[in-house]
Amino acid sequence: MITRAQWSLLLLVVGACDKGSDSAGSEGDTDTDTDSDTDTDSDTDTDTDTDTDSDTDTDTDTDTDTDTDTTPVCGDGVVSAPEECDDAGESKGCDSDCTLAVCGDGTLNATAGEACEPSTEPWNSCDDCAYAGAGLDGTFGKKWETLTATGASNAVAGLQSFHYTGETYLYDFTINAKYDIAKDSWSMVSSSPPWSGSQYWVNGAVDSTSIWVPRNSTMYQFDIASEKWTEAAKSIPDGAKQQTAAVFDREGFIWYEGPSSTIRFDPVKMTWTEYKHDSFDMYETRVAYDPIENLVLLGGYGSDRFLVYDIDAGKFSETSGSPGGDIKDNTCGDNSGGVYTGSAGKTLMYRYDIASDTWTELPDLPASHDNNSSCVVSQDGWLYYPTQPRGNEFYRLQLGVVP
């Protein structure tokens, strides 16, 4: 039996031995396949999308909220920028101009407890928006210091009532000289007072730039920087009649004594107000001011007490009498509740305490004050006084300053 393998071998041998030519013809199979299939697919897409969406949204809800953006109205109770607050008027926390209540903001708020607003003027006396004195505590030293004498032949009778910290000089227009505190020296003022008549007891009211002197129905203004005089106002009550001094109060008004009444002068409006009082010895009127109680004190050369005008109450009263007798001309206030004044005894001076209505004797003077000279209290903590005669010696006593 031929196996599959043998059979396959036999077929292989037979195929290999068949090499003869076929005489019946020649086989020339020439396959020329000329397939010229031309694909001319010209598919033209003419799909024209003409979607004309005409959806018209006509939203007709009616909005009735009308926003009227107007300027804020201070006082309407509604806080609107730039208002810091609005309590429909003055309150403890809000000023009437709709700014927060702050001491020193320039707006007086009584509801917030403010009695005053500070300013740059030295007479302002406003401390933490509550009126206070100039910072002197009413105490004084035990011994007078000797300073450089004026050398003048006349009495130094025109020192201003009060000297503020930071001011270089003490001025006296009776001898027309100025005292340099730091240098302990005197020099002449470059221009003379312009009024006629007496130059005595021209104790002027002092502000940050000027000294104001009421004389001969005119308010004269001395410019400290230029040392020039001008006539600030005319036809005012005559300050020469009583040879009056003058002082500022804490509101910026000037007080002095007219021919027969007390005068308040407004140096801004240049107007004046008269306050009538009973008969009182006012000749050579000394004037002091107490910012703590808002009082004006006036005393004449021959009186042993002061006439007091209570500005808030609008009433006059009298103090108790000095144990030293007549208070004379060397009288000056400390703007802290006290007044320093002379006496009939020419080597004695006293401090009058306004609140307690009491008098305290100072250490004995080293030389007579002669009843005609003047004195000045400095906010730096000194009481100054000159003598006459003997070359107008000059002294000072240390005063206690509030820490």
Protein backbone atom coordinates (compact mmCIF):
# COMPACT_ATOMS: atom_id res chain seq x y z
CA MET A 1 0.00 0.00 0.00
CA ILE A 2 1.35 3.31 -1.00
CA THR A 3 1.40 5.66 1.89
CA ARG A 4 0.42 9.28 1.71
CA ALA A 5 4.04 10.22 1.95
CA GLN A 6 5.05 7.87 -0.85
CA TRP A 7 2.26 9.14 -3.07
CA SER A 8 3.32 12.71 -2.54
CA LEU A 9 6.90 11.74 -3.49
CA LEU A 10 5.70 10.02 -6.67
CA LEU A 11 3.84 13.11 -7.79
CA LEU A 12 6.89 15.16 -7.22
CA VAL A 13 9.05 12.89 -9.43
CA VAL A 14 6.58 12.77 -12.31
CA GLY A 15 6.25 16.57 -12.31
CA ALA A 16 9.97 16.94 -12.39
CA CYS A 17 10.44 14.61 -15.42
CA ASP A 18 7.78 16.33 -17.71
CA LYS A 19 10.03 18.65 -19.82
CA GLY A 20 8.73 18.00 -23.44
CA SER A 21 7.18 20.68 -25.77
CA ASP A 22 3.55 20.65 -26.79
CA SER A 23 3.57 20.29 -30.67
CA ALA A 24 -0.05 21.03 -31.00
CA GLY A 25 0.55 24.81 -30.64
CA SER A 26 2.35 27.60 -28.69
CA GLU A 27 0.79 28.88 -25.55
CA GLY A 28 1.26 32.71 -25.44
CA ASP A 29 -1.03 33.86 -22.71
CA THR A 30 -0.73 37.66 -22.78
CA ASP A 31 -2.86 39.18 -20.10
CA THR A 32 -3.40 42.91 -20.91
CA ASP A 33 -5.81 44.07 -18.34
CA THR A 34 -6.71 47.65 -19.30
CA ASP A 35 -9.04 48.53 -16.55
CA SER A 36 -9.96 52.18 -17.30
CA ASP A 37 -12.51 52.71 -14.63
CA THR A 38 -12.85 56.52 -14.32
CA ASP A 39 -14.63 57.58 -11.20
CA THR A 40 -16.34 60.88 -11.93
CA ASP A 41 -18.21 61.31 -8.72
CA SER A 42 -19.35 64.92 -8.84
CA ASP A 43 -21.57 64.98 -5.86
CA THR A 44 -22.73 68.62 -5.58
CA ASP A 45 -24.27 69.35 -2.23
CA THR A 46 -26.92 71.98 -2.85
CA ASP A 47 -28.40 71.88 0.60
CA THR A 48 -29.16 75.56 1.33
CA ASP A 49 -29.95 76.17 4.98
CA THR A 50 -32.26 79.17 5.12
CA ASP A 51 -33.05 79.15 8.79
CA THR A 52 -34.47 82.61 9.43
CA ASP A 53 -35.03 82.55 13.14
CA SER A 54 -37.07 85.66 13.90
CA ASP A 55 -37.59 85.05 17.59
CA THR A 56 -38.46 88.49 19.05
CA ASP A 57 -38.29 88.60 22.85
CA THR A 58 -40.72 91.27 24.01
CA ASP A 59 -40.30 91.16 27.80
CA THR A 60 -42.99 93.52 29.11
CA ASP A 61 -42.67 93.21 32.96
CA THR A 62 -42.95 96.73 34.38
CA ASP A 63 -40.05 97.78 36.70
CA THR A 64 -41.45 100.34 39.18
CA ASP A 65 -38.22 100.71 41.24
CA THR A 66 -37.10 104.29 40.57
CA ASP A 67 -33.48 104.92 41.75
CA THR A 68 -33.11 108.65 42.41
CA ASP A 69 -29.38 109.09 43.08
CA THR A 70 -29.34 112.52 44.78
CA THR A 71 -26.86 114.50 46.90
CA PRO A 72 -26.81 113.34 50.58
CA VAL A 73 -28.77 115.54 52.94
CA CYS A 74 -27.05 116.00 56.29
CA GLY A 75 -29.68 115.78 59.02
CA ASP A 76 -32.11 113.43 57.31
CA GLY A 77 -31.11 110.52 59.53
CA VAL A 78 -29.72 108.47 56.64
CA VAL A 79 -25.97 107.91 56.35
CA SER A 80 -24.94 108.49 52.74
CA ALA A 81 -21.40 108.88 51.46
CA PRO A 82 -19.41 110.99 52.14
CA GLU A 83 -21.25 111.44 55.49
CA GLU A 84 -19.49 109.77 58.40
CA CYS A 85 -22.69 109.68 60.42
CA ASP A 86 -26.19 111.14 60.42
CA ASP A 87 -28.23 111.19 63.60
CA ALA A 88 -30.69 113.77 62.30
CA GLY A 89 -28.87 116.45 64.24
CA GLU A 90 -26.16 116.76 66.87
CA SER A 91 -25.62 113.71 69.10
CA LYS A 92 -22.95 112.38 71.44
CA GLY A 93 -21.22 110.59 68.59
CA CYS A 94 -22.08 112.77 65.62
CA ASP A 95 -21.58 116.48 64.92
CA SER A 96 -24.25 118.58 63.29
CA ASP A 97 -22.23 118.53 60.05
CA CYS A 98 -22.49 114.72 59.89
CA THR A 99 -18.89 114.05 60.89
CA LEU A 100 -17.90 111.95 63.88
CA ALA A 101 -17.61 113.94 67.12
CA VAL A 102 -13.89 114.33 67.81
CA CYS A 103 -12.25 116.89 70.07
CA GLY A 104 -10.20 119.21 67.93
CA ASP A 105 -12.19 118.76 64.71
CA GLY A 106 -13.23 122.40 64.72
CA THR A 107 -16.90 121.72 65.42
CA LEU A 108 -18.26 122.45 68.89
CA ASN A 109 -20.52 119.60 70.05
CA ALA A 110 -22.19 120.40 73.37
CA THR A 111 -24.18 117.15 73.34
CA ALA A 112 -20.89 115.23 73.30
CA GLY A 113 -19.78 117.22 76.34
CA GLU A 114 -17.50 119.63 74.47
CA ALA A 115 -17.28 123.03 76.11
CA CYS A 116 -14.79 124.37 73.56
CA GLU A 117 -12.68 123.54 70.53
CA PRO A 118 -8.90 124.15 70.58
CA SER A 119 -7.34 126.77 68.33
CA THR A 120 -3.88 128.11 67.69
CA GLU A 121 -4.52 131.31 69.66
CA PRO A 122 -2.83 131.33 73.08
CA TRP A 123 -5.88 132.76 74.85
CA ASN A 124 -8.04 129.80 73.75
CA SER A 125 -7.46 127.87 77.01
CA CYS A 126 -9.23 124.78 75.64
CA ASP A 127 -7.82 121.53 77.04
CA ASP A 128 -9.43 118.27 75.84
CA CYS A 129 -12.43 120.35 74.76
CA ALA A 130 -13.06 121.44 78.33
CA TYR A 131 -11.92 124.89 79.41
CA ALA A 132 -8.90 124.91 81.68
CA GLY A 133 -6.37 127.42 82.90
CA ALA A 134 -2.90 128.20 81.65
CA GLY A 135 -1.35 125.39 83.67
CA LEU A 136 -0.19 127.19 86.84
CA ASP A 137 -1.15 125.56 90.12
CA GLY A 138 -1.28 128.60 92.43
CA THR A 139 1.87 127.83 94.39
CA PHE A 140 5.02 129.97 94.42
CA GLY A 141 8.62 129.93 95.54
CA LYS A 142 10.20 131.47 98.63
CA LYS A 143 12.66 133.90 97.10
CA TRP A 144 12.69 136.52 94.36
CA GLU A 145 15.41 136.40 91.69
CA THR A 146 17.19 139.55 90.55
CA LEU A 147 17.19 140.23 86.80
CA THR A 148 18.76 142.89 84.59
CA ALA A 149 17.42 146.33 85.44
CA THR A 150 15.68 148.40 82.79
CA GLY A 151 17.80 151.47 83.46
CA ALA A 152 14.83 153.66 82.55
CA SER A 153 13.97 156.82 84.46
CA ASN A 154 10.22 156.20 84.23
CA ALA A 155 8.15 153.54 85.95
CA VAL A 156 7.70 150.29 84.06
CA ALA A 157 3.93 150.67 84.17
CA GLY A 158 2.85 148.99 80.95
CA LEU A 159 3.75 145.29 81.14
CA GLN A 160 0.99 143.16 79.65
CA SER A 161 -1.09 141.16 82.12
CA PHE A 162 -0.06 137.71 80.87
CA HIS A 163 2.80 136.25 78.85
CA TYR A 164 2.26 133.05 76.85
CA THR A 165 4.76 130.23 76.42
CA GLY A 166 6.73 130.59 73.20
CA GLU A 167 6.64 134.39 73.04
CA THR A 168 10.15 135.86 73.11
CA TYR A 169 9.58 139.19 74.83
CA LEU A 170 7.78 141.00 77.60
CA TYR A 171 6.68 144.42 76.33
CA ASP A 172 6.31 147.69 78.21
CA PHE A 173 5.04 150.64 76.21
CA THR A 174 5.46 153.14 79.04
CA ILE A 175 9.23 153.05 78.53
CA ASN A 176 8.74 151.58 75.01
CA ALA A 177 11.09 148.68 75.68
CA LYS A 178 11.03 144.90 75.49
CA TYR A 179 12.63 142.28 77.72
CA ASP A 180 14.21 139.18 76.16
CA ILE A 181 13.43 136.40 78.63
CA ALA A 182 16.04 133.95 77.41
CA LYS A 183 18.83 136.53 77.25
CA ASP A 184 17.82 138.54 80.35
CA SER A 185 18.27 141.78 78.45
CA TRP A 186 16.32 144.92 77.54
CA SER A 187 16.16 146.71 74.20
CA MET A 188 14.05 149.47 72.67
CA VAL A 189 10.95 148.91 70.56
CA SER A 190 11.52 150.31 67.08
CA SER A 191 8.35 152.44 66.90
CA SER A 192 6.65 154.55 69.55
CA PRO A 193 2.97 154.33 70.60
CA PRO A 194 0.92 156.56 68.27
CA TRP A 195 -1.62 158.01 70.69
CA SER A 196 -1.34 161.32 72.47
CA GLY A 197 -1.44 161.72 76.22
CA SER A 198 -0.36 159.34 78.94
CA GLN A 199 1.67 156.25 78.10
CA TYR A 200 1.15 154.84 81.60
CA TRP A 201 -0.78 151.64 82.37
CA VAL A 202 -1.18 150.62 78.76
CA ASN A 203 -1.25 146.94 79.67
CA GLY A 204 -2.45 145.46 76.37
CA ALA A 205 -4.33 142.30 75.46
CA VAL A 206 -2.04 139.75 73.79
CA ASP A 207 -2.78 137.22 71.06
CA SER A 208 -0.46 135.16 68.85
CA THR A 209 0.64 138.08 66.68
CA SER A 210 -0.42 141.36 68.30
CA ILE A 211 -0.92 143.48 71.41
CA TRP A 212 -4.18 145.46 71.55
CA VAL A 213 -4.41 148.74 73.45
CA PRO A 214 -7.64 150.80 73.82
CA ARG A 215 -6.76 154.50 74.00
CA ASN A 216 -8.49 157.78 73.11
CA SER A 217 -11.60 156.11 71.58
CA THR A 218 -9.38 154.01 69.31
CA MET A 219 -8.28 150.38 69.46
CA TYR A 220 -4.60 150.34 68.57
CA GLN A 221 -2.93 147.15 67.35
CA PHE A 222 0.79 146.52 67.75
CA ASP A 223 2.16 143.94 65.32
CA ILE A 224 4.82 141.96 67.17
CA ALA A 225 6.75 140.86 64.07
CA SER A 226 7.09 144.28 62.46
CA GLU A 227 6.76 146.38 65.64
CA LYS A 228 4.36 148.66 63.78
CA TRP A 229 1.15 150.25 65.11
CA THR A 230 -2.17 150.47 63.28
CA GLU A 231 -5.58 151.86 64.19
CA ALA A 232 -7.74 148.74 64.19
CA ALA A 233 -11.00 150.49 65.12
CA LYS A 234 -12.17 154.00 65.88
CA SER A 235 -15.08 155.51 67.79
CA ILE A 236 -15.01 152.94 70.55
CA PRO A 237 -15.53 153.75 74.26
CA ASP A 238 -12.50 155.70 75.46
CA GLY A 239 -9.99 153.55 77.33
CA ALA A 240 -7.89 156.56 78.32
CA LYS A 241 -10.54 157.91 80.71
CA GLN A 242 -9.74 155.25 83.31
CA GLN A 243 -6.17 154.51 82.10
CA THR A 244 -7.36 150.95 81.59
CA ALA A 245 -5.57 147.68 80.98
CA ALA A 246 -7.02 145.09 78.57
CA VAL A 247 -7.14 141.27 78.35
CA PHE A 248 -8.45 138.55 76.06
CA ASP A 249 -11.05 136.05 77.22
CA ARG A 250 -11.21 132.41 76.11
CA GLU A 251 -13.53 133.27 73.21
CA GLY A 252 -11.22 135.87 71.68
CA PHE A 253 -12.96 139.02 72.95
CA ILE A 254 -11.02 141.91 74.50
CA TRP A 255 -12.20 143.32 77.84
CA TYR A 256 -11.37 146.74 79.24
CA GLU A 257 -12.97 149.56 81.24
CA GLY A 258 -14.58 152.43 79.38
CA PRO A 259 -15.45 155.84 80.84
CA SER A 260 -18.18 154.41 83.10
CA SER A 261 -18.83 150.81 82.05
CA THR A 262 -17.09 147.54 81.17
CA ILE A 263 -16.49 146.98 77.47
CA ARG A 264 -16.22 143.79 75.42
CA PHE A 265 -14.55 144.40 72.05
CA ASP A 266 -14.69 141.98 69.11
CA PRO A 267 -11.36 142.23 67.20
CA VAL A 268 -12.78 140.29 64.25
CA LYS A 269 -15.95 142.27 63.62
CA MET A 270 -14.49 145.44 65.16
CA THR A 271 -17.64 145.96 67.22
CA TRP A 272 -18.14 146.50 70.94
CA THR A 273 -20.70 145.80 73.68
CA GLU A 274 -21.17 147.83 76.85
CA TYR A 275 -21.95 146.36 80.29
CA LYS A 276 -23.18 148.85 82.87
CA HIS A 277 -22.30 148.41 86.54
CA ASP A 278 -22.80 150.28 89.80
CA SER A 279 -20.34 152.94 90.86
CA PHE A 280 -16.91 151.44 91.56
CA ASP A 281 -13.45 152.95 91.86
CA MET A 282 -11.94 152.11 88.46
CA TYR A 283 -9.24 154.72 88.00
CA GLU A 284 -6.09 153.12 86.52
CA THR A 285 -8.14 149.99 85.97
CA ARG A 286 -6.30 146.70 86.32
CA VAL A 287 -7.93 143.84 84.40
CA ALA A 288 -7.47 140.08 84.81
CA TYR A 289 -9.31 137.09 83.37
CA ASP A 290 -10.13 133.63 84.71
CA PRO A 291 -10.80 131.11 81.90
CA ILE A 292 -11.79 128.40 84.37
CA GLU A 293 -14.89 130.22 85.65
CA ASN A 294 -15.11 132.62 82.68
CA LEU A 295 -14.82 135.74 84.81
CA VAL A 296 -13.38 139.20 84.21
CA LEU A 297 -11.87 140.94 87.25
CA LEU A 298 -11.45 144.72 87.32
CA GLY A 299 -9.91 146.82 90.04
CA GLY A 300 -8.90 150.45 90.47
CA TYR A 301 -5.78 151.93 92.01
CA GLY A 302 -7.60 153.04 95.15
CA SER A 303 -9.78 149.97 95.79
CA ASP A 304 -9.01 147.02 98.03
CA ARG A 305 -11.17 144.59 96.02
CA PHE A 306 -12.11 143.54 92.50
CA LEU A 307 -15.32 144.03 90.60
CA VAL A 308 -16.12 140.68 88.97
CA TYR A 309 -18.17 140.21 85.83
CA ASP A 310 -19.53 136.68 85.35
CA ILE A 311 -19.72 136.36 81.57
CA ASP A 312 -21.99 133.32 81.58
CA ALA A 313 -24.41 134.69 84.18
CA GLY A 314 -24.18 138.27 82.94
CA LYS A 315 -23.86 139.65 86.48
CA PHE A 316 -21.43 141.80 88.46
CA SER A 317 -20.29 141.08 92.03
CA GLU A 318 -17.43 142.12 94.34
CA THR A 319 -14.66 140.09 95.94
CA SER A 320 -13.61 140.30 99.55
CA GLY A 321 -11.13 143.02 100.47
CA SER A 322 -7.37 142.53 100.36
CA PRO A 323 -5.64 142.36 103.77
CA GLY A 324 -2.99 144.62 102.26
CA GLY A 325 -5.43 147.44 101.54
CA ASP A 326 -5.63 149.11 98.13
CA ILE A 327 -4.45 146.81 95.33
CA LYS A 328 -2.61 149.57 93.41
CA ASP A 329 -1.26 149.22 89.86
CA ASN A 330 1.02 146.19 89.89
CA THR A 331 -1.79 143.71 89.29
CA CYS A 332 -1.73 140.78 86.82
CA GLY A 333 -3.75 137.60 86.35
CA ASP A 334 -2.31 134.10 86.03
CA ASN A 335 -5.10 132.76 83.76
CA SER A 336 -5.32 129.80 86.11
CA GLY A 337 -7.80 130.98 88.75
CA GLY A 338 -5.68 133.60 90.48
CA VAL A 339 -4.60 137.24 90.43
CA TYR A 340 -1.33 138.68 91.73
CA THR A 341 -1.61 142.19 93.09
CA GLY A 342 0.19 144.84 95.10
CA SER A 343 -0.90 146.53 98.28
CA ALA A 344 -0.63 149.77 100.20
CA GLY A 345 2.53 148.36 101.75
CA LYS A 346 5.07 148.87 99.01
CA THR A 347 7.06 145.71 99.69
CA LEU A 348 4.02 143.44 99.85
CA MET A 349 2.17 141.48 97.14
CA TYR A 350 -0.67 138.99 97.38
CA ARG A 351 -2.22 136.21 95.36
CA TYR A 352 -5.99 136.31 95.23
CA ASP A 353 -7.63 132.90 94.70
CA ILE A 354 -10.84 133.37 92.74
CA ALA A 355 -12.56 130.09 93.61
CA SER A 356 -12.10 130.42 97.38
CA ASP A 357 -12.21 134.24 97.55
CA THR A 358 -9.06 134.26 99.70
CA TRP A 359 -5.80 136.25 99.75
CA THR A 360 -2.31 134.78 100.34
CA GLU A 361 0.74 136.93 101.03
CA LEU A 362 3.80 136.42 98.82
CA PRO A 363 7.41 136.49 100.06
CA ASP A 364 8.56 140.01 100.87
CA LEU A 365 9.68 141.96 97.86
CA PRO A 366 13.41 142.75 97.65
CA ALA A 367 12.56 146.38 96.74
CA SER A 368 9.52 148.62 96.75
CA HIS A 369 7.03 148.30 93.90
CA ASP A 370 6.12 151.99 94.52
CA ASN A 371 2.38 151.54 93.74
CA ASN A 372 2.82 152.68 90.14
CA SER A 373 4.71 149.89 88.41
CA SER A 374 3.15 146.86 86.73
CA CYS A 375 3.59 143.09 86.79
CA VAL A 376 3.21 140.19 84.38
CA VAL A 377 2.65 136.47 84.87
CA SER A 378 4.40 134.15 82.42
CA GLN A 379 2.87 130.81 81.47
CA ASP A 380 6.41 129.44 81.79
CA GLY A 381 5.97 129.72 85.56
CA TRP A 382 7.22 133.15 86.64
CA LEU A 383 5.85 136.33 88.17
CA TYR A 384 7.77 139.47 87.05
CA TYR A 385 7.72 142.93 88.62
CA PRO A 386 9.87 146.08 88.27
CA THR A 387 10.59 148.79 90.81
CA GLN A 388 10.80 152.55 90.80
CA PRO A 389 12.99 154.49 91.44
CA ARG A 390 16.55 153.07 91.76
CA GLY A 391 16.90 152.34 88.04
CA ASN A 392 13.83 150.19 87.77
CA GLU A 393 15.30 147.00 89.13
CA PHE A 394 13.64 143.88 87.82
CA TYR A 395 12.71 140.71 89.73
CA ARG A 396 10.86 137.46 89.31
CA LEU A 397 9.34 134.79 91.55
CA GLN A 398 8.94 131.18 90.45
CA LEU A 399 5.38 129.84 90.22
CA GLY A 400 4.21 126.25 90.40
CA VAL A 401 3.34 124.59 87.08
CA VAL A 402 0.84 121.75 86.78
CA PRO A 403 2.78 118.55 85.88
